[in-house]
Amino acid sequence: MPTICAFYGILVRMYWRDHSPPHFHALYGSYEILVNVSTLEILEGDFPRRALALVLEWASLHRRELMEAWEQCSRNQTPQPIAPLE
């Protein structure tokens, strides 16, 4: 599972050939969530409120890149890194 971004202790990853809908995994300590790229809906998991706000802010800025990463992973290719939240 490639890590496509890391910021403020949060790792953002995608699995190769993962199930639909397009989504990413965010990890923070022992927490993990799955986030729908199109809607930014939390599909699964739980996150601390502040970390969740950071992930959603980052994702809203990078939806196009996240979809490109999803397409690359669906073809079993390594996705390009995405800039972190600053």
N, C-alpha and C. Protein backbone atom coordinates (compact mmCIF):
# COMPACT_ATOMS: atom_id res chain seq x y z
N MET A 1 0.86 -1.17 0.00
CA MET A 1 0.00 0.00 0.00
C MET A 1 0.90 1.23 0.00
N PRO A 2 0.90 2.00 -1.08
CA PRO A 2 1.74 3.20 -1.15
C PRO A 2 1.24 4.33 -0.25
N THR A 3 2.18 5.00 0.39
CA THR A 3 1.87 6.22 1.12
C THR A 3 1.99 7.36 0.12
N ILE A 4 0.90 8.11 -0.07
CA ILE A 4 0.92 9.17 -1.07
C ILE A 4 1.16 10.54 -0.44
N CYS A 5 1.02 10.63 0.89
CA CYS A 5 1.25 11.90 1.57
C CYS A 5 1.40 11.66 3.07
N ALA A 6 2.16 12.54 3.70
CA ALA A 6 2.31 12.51 5.16
C ALA A 6 2.39 13.96 5.66
N PHE A 7 1.60 14.28 6.69
CA PHE A 7 1.64 15.61 7.28
C PHE A 7 1.08 15.54 8.70
N TYR A 8 1.71 16.29 9.60
CA TYR A 8 1.25 16.38 11.00
C TYR A 8 1.00 15.02 11.64
N GLY A 9 1.84 14.05 11.31
CA GLY A 9 1.69 12.71 11.89
C GLY A 9 0.62 11.86 11.23
N ILE A 10 0.01 12.36 10.17
CA ILE A 10 -1.04 11.64 9.44
C ILE A 10 -0.44 11.04 8.18
N LEU A 11 -0.71 9.76 7.94
CA LEU A 11 -0.29 9.10 6.70
C LEU A 11 -1.52 8.89 5.83
N VAL A 12 -1.38 9.18 4.54
CA VAL A 12 -2.45 8.96 3.58
C VAL A 12 -1.97 7.89 2.61
N ARG A 13 -2.76 6.82 2.51
CA ARG A 13 -2.37 5.69 1.69
C ARG A 13 -3.53 5.23 0.81
N MET A 14 -3.15 4.50 -0.27
CA MET A 14 -4.13 3.83 -1.13
C MET A 14 -3.62 2.42 -1.38
N TYR A 15 -4.56 1.49 -1.44
CA TYR A 15 -4.23 0.11 -1.79
C TYR A 15 -4.28 -0.06 -3.29
N TRP A 16 -3.41 -0.94 -3.81
CA TRP A 16 -3.51 -1.30 -5.22
C TRP A 16 -4.76 -2.13 -5.42
N ARG A 17 -5.48 -1.86 -6.50
CA ARG A 17 -6.66 -2.61 -6.93
C ARG A 17 -7.69 -2.76 -5.80
N ASP A 18 -7.92 -1.69 -5.07
CA ASP A 18 -8.87 -1.68 -3.97
C ASP A 18 -10.30 -1.60 -4.50
N HIS A 19 -11.27 -1.88 -3.65
CA HIS A 19 -12.68 -1.88 -4.02
C HIS A 19 -13.19 -0.45 -4.24
N SER A 20 -14.29 -0.33 -4.98
CA SER A 20 -14.95 0.97 -5.19
C SER A 20 -15.80 1.28 -3.98
N PRO A 21 -16.16 2.52 -3.76
CA PRO A 21 -15.85 3.72 -4.54
C PRO A 21 -14.41 4.18 -4.31
N PRO A 22 -13.90 5.05 -5.19
CA PRO A 22 -12.55 5.58 -4.98
C PRO A 22 -12.43 6.19 -3.58
N HIS A 23 -11.41 5.76 -2.85
CA HIS A 23 -11.22 6.23 -1.49
C HIS A 23 -9.75 6.15 -1.11
N PHE A 24 -9.42 6.77 0.01
CA PHE A 24 -8.07 6.65 0.55
C PHE A 24 -8.17 6.30 2.03
N HIS A 25 -7.07 5.79 2.55
CA HIS A 25 -6.94 5.43 3.95
C HIS A 25 -6.10 6.52 4.62
N ALA A 26 -6.54 7.02 5.74
CA ALA A 26 -5.76 7.96 6.53
C ALA A 26 -5.48 7.30 7.88
N LEU A 27 -4.23 7.36 8.31
CA LEU A 27 -3.83 6.76 9.57
C LEU A 27 -3.20 7.82 10.47
N TYR A 28 -3.56 7.74 11.74
CA TYR A 28 -3.03 8.68 12.72
C TYR A 28 -2.92 7.92 14.04
N GLY A 29 -1.71 7.55 14.42
CA GLY A 29 -1.54 6.73 15.61
C GLY A 29 -2.27 5.40 15.42
N SER A 30 -3.14 5.06 16.34
CA SER A 30 -3.90 3.81 16.25
C SER A 30 -5.23 3.99 15.51
N TYR A 31 -5.50 5.18 15.01
CA TYR A 31 -6.75 5.47 14.30
C TYR A 31 -6.58 5.26 12.80
N GLU A 32 -7.67 4.85 12.15
CA GLU A 32 -7.68 4.73 10.69
C GLU A 32 -9.08 5.03 10.19
N ILE A 33 -9.15 5.78 9.08
CA ILE A 33 -10.41 6.04 8.40
C ILE A 33 -10.26 5.79 6.91
N LEU A 34 -11.37 5.49 6.27
CA LEU A 34 -11.46 5.41 4.82
C LEU A 34 -12.34 6.57 4.38
N VAL A 35 -11.85 7.35 3.41
CA VAL A 35 -12.54 8.57 2.98
C VAL A 35 -12.85 8.47 1.49
N ASN A 36 -14.11 8.67 1.13
CA ASN A 36 -14.54 8.69 -0.26
C ASN A 36 -13.95 9.94 -0.92
N VAL A 37 -13.26 9.75 -2.04
CA VAL A 37 -12.60 10.88 -2.72
C VAL A 37 -13.62 11.87 -3.26
N SER A 38 -14.70 11.40 -3.83
CA SER A 38 -15.69 12.29 -4.47
C SER A 38 -16.48 13.12 -3.47
N THR A 39 -16.92 12.49 -2.39
CA THR A 39 -17.82 13.16 -1.44
C THR A 39 -17.15 13.59 -0.14
N LEU A 40 -15.96 13.07 0.11
CA LEU A 40 -15.23 13.26 1.37
C LEU A 40 -16.00 12.69 2.57
N GLU A 41 -16.90 11.76 2.28
CA GLU A 41 -17.63 11.05 3.33
C GLU A 41 -16.70 10.02 3.98
N ILE A 42 -16.81 9.89 5.30
CA ILE A 42 -16.06 8.87 6.02
C ILE A 42 -16.81 7.55 5.81
N LEU A 43 -16.16 6.61 5.14
CA LEU A 43 -16.78 5.33 4.83
C LEU A 43 -16.65 4.35 5.98
N GLU A 44 -15.57 4.50 6.74
CA GLU A 44 -15.29 3.54 7.80
C GLU A 44 -14.26 4.13 8.74
N GLY A 45 -14.34 3.78 10.01
CA GLY A 45 -13.33 4.15 10.98
C GLY A 45 -13.65 5.39 11.77
N ASP A 46 -12.68 5.79 12.58
CA ASP A 46 -12.84 6.92 13.49
C ASP A 46 -11.51 7.65 13.59
N PHE A 47 -11.58 8.95 13.81
CA PHE A 47 -10.38 9.80 13.88
C PHE A 47 -10.63 10.88 14.92
N PRO A 48 -9.59 11.36 15.60
CA PRO A 48 -9.76 12.53 16.47
C PRO A 48 -10.24 13.73 15.64
N ARG A 49 -11.04 14.56 16.24
CA ARG A 49 -11.68 15.68 15.53
C ARG A 49 -10.68 16.59 14.80
N ARG A 50 -9.62 16.98 15.46
CA ARG A 50 -8.63 17.89 14.84
C ARG A 50 -7.94 17.23 13.66
N ALA A 51 -7.53 15.98 13.82
CA ALA A 51 -6.87 15.25 12.73
C ALA A 51 -7.83 15.06 11.56
N LEU A 52 -9.09 14.79 11.85
CA LEU A 52 -10.09 14.63 10.80
C LEU A 52 -10.26 15.92 10.01
N ALA A 53 -10.31 17.04 10.71
CA ALA A 53 -10.44 18.34 10.03
C ALA A 53 -9.26 18.57 9.09
N LEU A 54 -8.05 18.21 9.51
CA LEU A 54 -6.87 18.38 8.67
C LEU A 54 -6.94 17.49 7.43
N VAL A 55 -7.35 16.25 7.61
CA VAL A 55 -7.46 15.32 6.48
C VAL A 55 -8.49 15.82 5.47
N LEU A 56 -9.63 16.25 5.95
CA LEU A 56 -10.67 16.72 5.03
C LEU A 56 -10.27 18.01 4.32
N GLU A 57 -9.59 18.90 5.02
CA GLU A 57 -9.09 20.12 4.37
C GLU A 57 -8.09 19.75 3.27
N TRP A 58 -7.15 18.87 3.59
CA TRP A 58 -6.16 18.44 2.61
C TRP A 58 -6.83 17.78 1.41
N ALA A 59 -7.77 16.87 1.67
CA ALA A 59 -8.42 16.14 0.59
C ALA A 59 -9.22 17.08 -0.31
N SER A 60 -9.85 18.08 0.27
CA SER A 60 -10.63 19.01 -0.56
C SER A 60 -9.74 19.81 -1.50
N LEU A 61 -8.50 20.02 -1.11
CA LEU A 61 -7.55 20.74 -1.96
C LEU A 61 -6.94 19.85 -3.05
N HIS A 62 -7.02 18.53 -2.86
CA HIS A 62 -6.29 17.62 -3.75
C HIS A 62 -7.17 16.53 -4.36
N ARG A 63 -8.44 16.81 -4.58
CA ARG A 63 -9.33 15.79 -5.14
C ARG A 63 -8.87 15.29 -6.50
N ARG A 64 -8.43 16.19 -7.36
CA ARG A 64 -7.99 15.78 -8.69
C ARG A 64 -6.80 14.83 -8.59
N GLU A 65 -5.82 15.19 -7.77
CA GLU A 65 -4.64 14.33 -7.60
C GLU A 65 -5.01 12.99 -6.95
N LEU A 66 -5.99 13.02 -6.04
CA LEU A 66 -6.43 11.78 -5.41
C LEU A 66 -7.09 10.85 -6.43
N MET A 67 -7.87 11.40 -7.33
CA MET A 67 -8.48 10.58 -8.38
C MET A 67 -7.42 10.01 -9.32
N GLU A 68 -6.41 10.81 -9.64
CA GLU A 68 -5.31 10.31 -10.46
C GLU A 68 -4.58 9.18 -9.74
N ALA A 69 -4.35 9.34 -8.45
CA ALA A 69 -3.69 8.29 -7.67
C ALA A 69 -4.55 7.03 -7.64
N TRP A 70 -5.87 7.20 -7.50
CA TRP A 70 -6.77 6.05 -7.51
C TRP A 70 -6.66 5.29 -8.83
N GLU A 71 -6.66 6.03 -9.94
CA GLU A 71 -6.55 5.41 -11.25
C GLU A 71 -5.22 4.66 -11.39
N GLN A 72 -4.14 5.26 -10.93
CA GLN A 72 -2.84 4.59 -11.00
C GLN A 72 -2.84 3.31 -10.16
N CYS A 73 -3.38 3.39 -8.95
CA CYS A 73 -3.43 2.19 -8.09
C CYS A 73 -4.32 1.11 -8.70
N SER A 74 -5.39 1.51 -9.37
CA SER A 74 -6.29 0.52 -9.99
C SER A 74 -5.58 -0.22 -11.12
N ARG A 75 -4.54 0.40 -11.68
CA ARG A 75 -3.73 -0.25 -12.72
C ARG A 75 -2.47 -0.88 -12.14
N ASN A 76 -2.42 -0.98 -10.81
CA ASN A 76 -1.29 -1.57 -10.10
C ASN A 76 0.00 -0.79 -10.32
N GLN A 77 -0.13 0.52 -10.51
CA GLN A 77 1.02 1.42 -10.69
C GLN A 77 1.21 2.23 -9.42
N THR A 78 2.43 2.63 -9.17
CA THR A 78 2.73 3.45 -8.01
C THR A 78 2.25 4.89 -8.26
N PRO A 79 1.39 5.42 -7.38
CA PRO A 79 0.88 6.78 -7.59
C PRO A 79 1.93 7.83 -7.27
N GLN A 80 1.73 9.00 -7.87
CA GLN A 80 2.61 10.12 -7.59
C GLN A 80 2.34 10.66 -6.18
N PRO A 81 3.37 11.11 -5.48
CA PRO A 81 3.14 11.73 -4.17
C PRO A 81 2.29 12.99 -4.33
N ILE A 82 1.53 13.31 -3.29
CA ILE A 82 0.71 14.52 -3.27
C ILE A 82 1.25 15.43 -2.18
N ALA A 83 1.30 16.72 -2.47
CA ALA A 83 1.86 17.69 -1.52
C ALA A 83 1.11 17.66 -0.19
N PRO A 84 1.83 17.82 0.90
CA PRO A 84 1.18 17.82 2.22
C PRO A 84 0.47 19.14 2.51
N LEU A 85 -0.32 19.11 3.53
CA LEU A 85 -0.97 20.32 4.04
C LEU A 85 0.11 21.13 4.76
N GLU A 86 0.17 22.42 4.48
CA GLU A 86 1.20 23.26 5.13
C GLU A 86 0.59 24.18 6.13
